Amino acid sequence: MAKLYKITKTLNNEKAELLIENLEIAESYFDRAKGLLGRKNLSSHGALLIKPCNNIHTFFMKFTIDCVFVNKTYKVEKVFSRVGPFRIKGPVWKANSVIEFSEGFVEKWNIKAGDQLHVVS
């Protein structure tokens, strides 16, 4: 999870708006299994993309998160807001990955199924 990326959202099929400046990507087995475990919080400017992944759990986590399940092209398939500790979400069958955001992010940016997100370096 060394290199950081950004997330943008397409608005009105024309331009993209920057949503996240610091996106970490967890692709290795260890990084995917660990996820956000061991952290005390998640910055409102940061997020974690876990791929491949179509379900998550928040066992032993210390804070609440928002989860956005996306397909291979980063189109939003399903959104879960304010997922507290010791919860399971998914499987979301059309999802290829999940992006975990700080609590309230989904509501703030009005993220919903069908939205098109972009991961850029």
N, C-alpha and C. Protein backbone atom coordinates (compact mmCIF):
# COMPACT_ATOMS: atom_id res chain seq x y z
N MET A 1 0.82 -1.19 0.00
CA MET A 1 0.00 0.00 0.00
C MET A 1 0.87 1.26 0.00
N ALA A 2 1.91 1.30 -0.75
CA ALA A 2 2.84 2.42 -0.72
C ALA A 2 2.37 3.59 -1.59
N LYS A 3 1.99 3.33 -2.83
CA LYS A 3 1.63 4.40 -3.75
C LYS A 3 0.21 4.90 -3.46
N LEU A 4 0.04 6.22 -3.47
CA LEU A 4 -1.27 6.80 -3.23
C LEU A 4 -1.91 7.25 -4.54
N TYR A 5 -3.20 7.08 -4.63
CA TYR A 5 -3.98 7.46 -5.80
C TYR A 5 -5.04 8.46 -5.38
N LYS A 6 -5.84 8.92 -6.33
CA LYS A 6 -6.94 9.84 -6.08
C LYS A 6 -8.23 9.23 -6.62
N ILE A 7 -9.36 9.69 -6.09
CA ILE A 7 -10.67 9.25 -6.59
C ILE A 7 -11.42 10.49 -7.07
N THR A 8 -11.99 10.38 -8.27
CA THR A 8 -12.84 11.44 -8.79
C THR A 8 -14.20 10.83 -9.14
N LYS A 9 -15.18 11.69 -9.26
CA LYS A 9 -16.54 11.28 -9.63
C LYS A 9 -16.97 12.09 -10.84
N THR A 10 -17.50 11.41 -11.85
CA THR A 10 -18.00 12.09 -13.05
C THR A 10 -19.31 12.80 -12.72
N LEU A 11 -19.39 14.06 -13.12
CA LEU A 11 -20.59 14.86 -12.91
C LEU A 11 -21.21 15.20 -14.26
N ASN A 12 -22.49 14.92 -14.40
CA ASN A 12 -23.23 15.27 -15.63
C ASN A 12 -22.56 14.77 -16.91
N ASN A 13 -21.92 13.63 -16.85
CA ASN A 13 -21.25 13.02 -18.01
C ASN A 13 -20.21 13.93 -18.65
N GLU A 14 -19.73 14.94 -17.95
CA GLU A 14 -18.78 15.87 -18.55
C GLU A 14 -17.47 15.97 -17.79
N LYS A 15 -17.51 16.53 -16.60
CA LYS A 15 -16.26 16.74 -15.87
C LYS A 15 -16.23 15.89 -14.62
N ALA A 16 -15.06 15.79 -14.03
CA ALA A 16 -14.89 14.99 -12.83
C ALA A 16 -14.54 15.88 -11.66
N GLU A 17 -15.05 15.53 -10.49
CA GLU A 17 -14.79 16.27 -9.27
C GLU A 17 -13.91 15.42 -8.36
N LEU A 18 -12.87 16.01 -7.79
CA LEU A 18 -11.97 15.30 -6.89
C LEU A 18 -12.67 15.02 -5.57
N LEU A 19 -12.74 13.74 -5.18
CA LEU A 19 -13.37 13.35 -3.93
C LEU A 19 -12.35 13.01 -2.85
N ILE A 20 -11.30 12.29 -3.22
CA ILE A 20 -10.30 11.81 -2.27
C ILE A 20 -8.91 12.08 -2.82
N GLU A 21 -8.04 12.63 -1.99
CA GLU A 21 -6.67 12.91 -2.40
C GLU A 21 -5.70 11.78 -2.06
N ASN A 22 -6.03 10.99 -1.05
CA ASN A 22 -5.11 9.94 -0.59
C ASN A 22 -5.82 8.59 -0.56
N LEU A 23 -5.76 7.88 -1.67
CA LEU A 23 -6.36 6.55 -1.77
C LEU A 23 -5.26 5.51 -1.67
N GLU A 24 -5.39 4.64 -0.68
CA GLU A 24 -4.47 3.51 -0.56
C GLU A 24 -5.13 2.32 -1.25
N ILE A 25 -4.31 1.47 -1.87
CA ILE A 25 -4.84 0.29 -2.54
C ILE A 25 -4.27 -0.95 -1.89
N ALA A 26 -5.16 -1.83 -1.47
CA ALA A 26 -4.77 -3.11 -0.86
C ALA A 26 -5.05 -4.22 -1.86
N GLU A 27 -3.97 -4.78 -2.43
CA GLU A 27 -4.12 -5.84 -3.42
C GLU A 27 -3.53 -7.17 -2.97
N SER A 28 -2.52 -7.13 -2.11
CA SER A 28 -1.92 -8.39 -1.65
C SER A 28 -2.85 -9.07 -0.66
N TYR A 29 -2.68 -10.35 -0.50
CA TYR A 29 -3.52 -11.10 0.44
C TYR A 29 -3.44 -10.49 1.83
N PHE A 30 -2.24 -10.19 2.30
CA PHE A 30 -2.06 -9.64 3.65
C PHE A 30 -2.73 -8.28 3.78
N ASP A 31 -2.51 -7.39 2.83
CA ASP A 31 -3.09 -6.05 2.89
C ASP A 31 -4.62 -6.09 2.83
N ARG A 32 -5.16 -6.99 2.00
CA ARG A 32 -6.63 -7.12 1.92
C ARG A 32 -7.20 -7.67 3.21
N ALA A 33 -6.53 -8.67 3.80
CA ALA A 33 -7.00 -9.26 5.04
C ALA A 33 -6.95 -8.26 6.19
N LYS A 34 -5.91 -7.44 6.22
CA LYS A 34 -5.75 -6.47 7.30
C LYS A 34 -6.71 -5.29 7.13
N GLY A 35 -6.86 -4.79 5.93
CA GLY A 35 -7.75 -3.67 5.69
C GLY A 35 -7.44 -2.49 6.60
N LEU A 36 -8.45 -2.04 7.33
CA LEU A 36 -8.29 -0.92 8.24
C LEU A 36 -8.07 -1.35 9.70
N LEU A 37 -7.93 -2.65 9.91
CA LEU A 37 -7.71 -3.14 11.28
C LEU A 37 -6.44 -2.53 11.87
N GLY A 38 -6.52 -2.17 13.13
CA GLY A 38 -5.37 -1.61 13.82
C GLY A 38 -5.31 -0.09 13.76
N ARG A 39 -6.13 0.52 12.94
CA ARG A 39 -6.16 1.99 12.86
C ARG A 39 -7.18 2.54 13.85
N LYS A 40 -6.94 3.74 14.29
CA LYS A 40 -7.88 4.39 15.22
C LYS A 40 -8.93 5.21 14.49
N ASN A 41 -8.63 5.59 13.25
CA ASN A 41 -9.58 6.35 12.45
C ASN A 41 -9.15 6.34 10.99
N LEU A 42 -9.94 6.98 10.17
CA LEU A 42 -9.65 7.14 8.75
C LEU A 42 -9.88 8.60 8.42
N SER A 43 -8.88 9.25 7.88
CA SER A 43 -8.97 10.67 7.54
C SER A 43 -10.10 10.92 6.54
N SER A 44 -10.71 12.09 6.65
CA SER A 44 -11.76 12.45 5.70
C SER A 44 -11.19 12.69 4.30
N HIS A 45 -9.86 12.81 4.19
CA HIS A 45 -9.20 12.99 2.89
C HIS A 45 -8.60 11.69 2.37
N GLY A 46 -8.83 10.59 3.10
CA GLY A 46 -8.25 9.31 2.73
C GLY A 46 -9.30 8.23 2.56
N ALA A 47 -8.92 7.16 1.88
CA ALA A 47 -9.81 6.01 1.67
C ALA A 47 -8.94 4.80 1.38
N LEU A 48 -9.54 3.62 1.48
CA LEU A 48 -8.84 2.37 1.18
C LEU A 48 -9.64 1.60 0.14
N LEU A 49 -8.99 1.25 -0.96
CA LEU A 49 -9.57 0.42 -2.02
C LEU A 49 -9.04 -0.99 -1.82
N ILE A 50 -9.95 -1.94 -1.63
CA ILE A 50 -9.57 -3.34 -1.47
C ILE A 50 -10.02 -4.08 -2.72
N LYS A 51 -9.03 -4.69 -3.43
CA LYS A 51 -9.38 -5.44 -4.64
C LYS A 51 -8.49 -6.65 -4.81
N PRO A 52 -9.07 -7.73 -5.25
CA PRO A 52 -10.49 -7.96 -5.45
C PRO A 52 -11.19 -8.16 -4.11
N CYS A 53 -12.47 -7.79 -4.06
CA CYS A 53 -13.26 -7.92 -2.83
C CYS A 53 -14.72 -7.65 -3.15
N ASN A 54 -15.62 -8.53 -2.70
CA ASN A 54 -17.04 -8.25 -2.88
C ASN A 54 -17.83 -8.38 -1.58
N ASN A 55 -17.10 -8.54 -0.45
CA ASN A 55 -17.75 -8.52 0.87
C ASN A 55 -16.72 -8.12 1.91
N ILE A 56 -17.20 -7.53 3.00
CA ILE A 56 -16.28 -7.08 4.06
C ILE A 56 -16.86 -7.42 5.42
N HIS A 57 -16.01 -7.33 6.42
CA HIS A 57 -16.47 -7.37 7.81
C HIS A 57 -15.74 -6.26 8.56
N THR A 58 -16.34 -5.83 9.65
CA THR A 58 -15.71 -4.79 10.47
C THR A 58 -15.43 -5.32 11.88
N PHE A 59 -15.20 -6.61 11.99
CA PHE A 59 -14.87 -7.19 13.30
C PHE A 59 -13.59 -6.55 13.83
N PHE A 60 -13.62 -6.18 15.08
CA PHE A 60 -12.47 -5.63 15.81
C PHE A 60 -12.05 -4.23 15.35
N MET A 61 -12.85 -3.60 14.52
CA MET A 61 -12.53 -2.22 14.13
C MET A 61 -12.96 -1.28 15.24
N LYS A 62 -12.36 -0.10 15.26
CA LYS A 62 -12.60 0.85 16.34
C LYS A 62 -13.42 2.06 15.91
N PHE A 63 -13.88 2.07 14.67
CA PHE A 63 -14.63 3.23 14.18
C PHE A 63 -15.59 2.80 13.08
N THR A 64 -16.51 3.69 12.76
CA THR A 64 -17.54 3.46 11.76
C THR A 64 -17.05 3.96 10.40
N ILE A 65 -17.42 3.24 9.33
CA ILE A 65 -16.98 3.61 7.98
C ILE A 65 -18.16 3.59 7.00
N ASP A 66 -17.95 4.20 5.85
CA ASP A 66 -18.86 4.07 4.72
C ASP A 66 -18.19 3.17 3.69
N CYS A 67 -18.96 2.28 3.07
CA CYS A 67 -18.40 1.31 2.11
C CYS A 67 -19.11 1.46 0.76
N VAL A 68 -18.31 1.54 -0.29
CA VAL A 68 -18.84 1.66 -1.64
C VAL A 68 -18.28 0.50 -2.46
N PHE A 69 -19.16 -0.40 -2.87
CA PHE A 69 -18.76 -1.54 -3.70
C PHE A 69 -18.84 -1.13 -5.16
N VAL A 70 -17.76 -1.38 -5.91
CA VAL A 70 -17.67 -0.97 -7.31
C VAL A 70 -17.32 -2.16 -8.19
N ASN A 71 -17.66 -2.06 -9.48
CA ASN A 71 -17.29 -3.11 -10.43
C ASN A 71 -15.90 -2.82 -11.01
N LYS A 72 -15.50 -3.57 -12.02
CA LYS A 72 -14.15 -3.43 -12.58
C LYS A 72 -13.89 -2.06 -13.19
N THR A 73 -14.93 -1.36 -13.62
CA THR A 73 -14.75 -0.02 -14.21
C THR A 73 -15.02 1.08 -13.18
N TYR A 74 -15.15 0.72 -11.93
CA TYR A 74 -15.39 1.64 -10.80
C TYR A 74 -16.78 2.29 -10.85
N LYS A 75 -17.72 1.61 -11.49
CA LYS A 75 -19.11 2.04 -11.40
C LYS A 75 -19.66 1.52 -10.08
N VAL A 76 -20.36 2.37 -9.34
CA VAL A 76 -20.87 2.01 -8.02
C VAL A 76 -22.01 1.01 -8.15
N GLU A 77 -21.86 -0.13 -7.48
CA GLU A 77 -22.88 -1.18 -7.48
C GLU A 77 -23.77 -1.11 -6.23
N LYS A 78 -23.17 -0.83 -5.08
CA LYS A 78 -23.94 -0.80 -3.82
C LYS A 78 -23.21 0.07 -2.82
N VAL A 79 -23.98 0.77 -1.98
CA VAL A 79 -23.42 1.68 -0.99
C VAL A 79 -23.96 1.30 0.38
N PHE A 80 -23.07 1.29 1.37
CA PHE A 80 -23.46 1.08 2.76
C PHE A 80 -22.91 2.24 3.58
N SER A 81 -23.80 2.98 4.23
CA SER A 81 -23.40 4.12 5.05
C SER A 81 -23.32 3.72 6.51
N ARG A 82 -22.37 4.34 7.20
CA ARG A 82 -22.24 4.22 8.65
C ARG A 82 -22.24 2.77 9.13
N VAL A 83 -21.30 2.01 8.61
CA VAL A 83 -21.13 0.60 8.99
C VAL A 83 -20.28 0.56 10.26
N GLY A 84 -20.90 0.16 11.35
CA GLY A 84 -20.21 0.14 12.63
C GLY A 84 -19.37 -1.12 12.81
N PRO A 85 -18.61 -1.17 13.90
CA PRO A 85 -17.81 -2.35 14.20
C PRO A 85 -18.67 -3.61 14.35
N PHE A 86 -18.07 -4.75 14.04
CA PHE A 86 -18.68 -6.07 14.17
C PHE A 86 -19.89 -6.26 13.25
N ARG A 87 -19.75 -5.81 12.02
CA ARG A 87 -20.78 -5.98 11.01
C ARG A 87 -20.21 -6.71 9.79
N ILE A 88 -21.11 -7.29 8.98
CA ILE A 88 -20.74 -7.94 7.72
C ILE A 88 -21.57 -7.29 6.62
N LYS A 89 -20.93 -6.95 5.50
CA LYS A 89 -21.64 -6.39 4.36
C LYS A 89 -21.23 -7.17 3.11
N GLY A 90 -22.21 -7.54 2.33
CA GLY A 90 -21.96 -8.33 1.14
C GLY A 90 -22.33 -9.77 1.38
N PRO A 91 -22.13 -10.60 0.38
CA PRO A 91 -21.46 -10.28 -0.87
C PRO A 91 -22.33 -9.44 -1.81
N VAL A 92 -21.66 -8.61 -2.56
CA VAL A 92 -22.27 -7.83 -3.63
C VAL A 92 -21.77 -8.48 -4.91
N TRP A 93 -22.62 -9.25 -5.56
CA TRP A 93 -22.20 -10.15 -6.64
C TRP A 93 -21.60 -9.44 -7.85
N LYS A 94 -22.02 -8.26 -8.19
CA LYS A 94 -21.46 -7.56 -9.35
C LYS A 94 -20.21 -6.76 -9.00
N ALA A 95 -19.86 -6.70 -7.73
CA ALA A 95 -18.71 -5.89 -7.31
C ALA A 95 -17.41 -6.64 -7.50
N ASN A 96 -16.38 -5.88 -7.84
CA ASN A 96 -15.03 -6.40 -7.97
C ASN A 96 -14.15 -5.88 -6.84
N SER A 97 -14.52 -4.72 -6.26
CA SER A 97 -13.73 -4.08 -5.23
C SER A 97 -14.64 -3.31 -4.29
N VAL A 98 -14.07 -2.91 -3.16
CA VAL A 98 -14.78 -2.05 -2.22
C VAL A 98 -13.86 -0.89 -1.85
N ILE A 99 -14.45 0.28 -1.72
CA ILE A 99 -13.71 1.44 -1.25
C ILE A 99 -14.28 1.80 0.11
N GLU A 100 -13.40 1.87 1.11
CA GLU A 100 -13.82 2.20 2.46
C GLU A 100 -13.46 3.66 2.75
N PHE A 101 -14.47 4.44 3.13
CA PHE A 101 -14.33 5.87 3.39
C PHE A 101 -14.63 6.16 4.86
N SER A 102 -14.31 7.36 5.30
CA SER A 102 -14.66 7.78 6.65
C SER A 102 -16.18 7.93 6.75
N GLU A 103 -16.68 7.80 7.96
CA GLU A 103 -18.11 7.90 8.22
C GLU A 103 -18.66 9.24 7.72
N GLY A 104 -19.77 9.20 7.00
CA GLY A 104 -20.41 10.40 6.50
C GLY A 104 -20.00 10.81 5.10
N PHE A 105 -18.99 10.16 4.54
CA PHE A 105 -18.48 10.52 3.21
C PHE A 105 -19.54 10.33 2.13
N VAL A 106 -20.23 9.20 2.17
CA VAL A 106 -21.24 8.88 1.16
C VAL A 106 -22.34 9.93 1.15
N GLU A 107 -22.78 10.34 2.32
CA GLU A 107 -23.83 11.35 2.41
C GLU A 107 -23.32 12.72 1.94
N LYS A 108 -22.12 13.08 2.36
CA LYS A 108 -21.54 14.38 1.98
C LYS A 108 -21.43 14.54 0.47
N TRP A 109 -21.00 13.48 -0.23
CA TRP A 109 -20.78 13.55 -1.67
C TRP A 109 -21.91 12.94 -2.49
N ASN A 110 -22.98 12.50 -1.81
CA ASN A 110 -24.15 11.93 -2.48
C ASN A 110 -23.76 10.79 -3.42
N ILE A 111 -22.99 9.85 -2.90
CA ILE A 111 -22.57 8.68 -3.68
C ILE A 111 -23.72 7.67 -3.69
N LYS A 112 -24.07 7.18 -4.87
CA LYS A 112 -25.17 6.22 -4.98
C LYS A 112 -24.88 5.21 -6.08
N ALA A 113 -25.62 4.11 -6.07
CA ALA A 113 -25.48 3.09 -7.11
C ALA A 113 -25.66 3.73 -8.48
N GLY A 114 -24.80 3.37 -9.42
CA GLY A 114 -24.85 3.90 -10.77
C GLY A 114 -23.85 5.02 -11.01
N ASP A 115 -23.34 5.65 -9.94
CA ASP A 115 -22.33 6.70 -10.11
C ASP A 115 -21.05 6.12 -10.70
N GLN A 116 -20.35 6.92 -11.46
CA GLN A 116 -19.08 6.50 -12.05
C GLN A 116 -17.93 7.18 -11.31
N LEU A 117 -17.09 6.36 -10.66
CA LEU A 117 -15.90 6.86 -9.99
C LEU A 117 -14.69 6.56 -10.86
N HIS A 118 -13.60 7.26 -10.61
CA HIS A 118 -12.36 7.06 -11.35
C HIS A 118 -11.21 7.03 -10.35
N VAL A 119 -10.31 6.10 -10.52
CA VAL A 119 -9.08 6.05 -9.71
C VAL A 119 -7.95 6.50 -10.61
N VAL A 120 -7.26 7.56 -10.19
CA VAL A 120 -6.18 8.15 -11.00
C VAL A 120 -4.95 8.32 -10.15
N SER A 121 -3.78 8.30 -10.81
CA SER A 121 -2.53 8.49 -10.06
C SER A 121 -2.10 9.94 -10.11
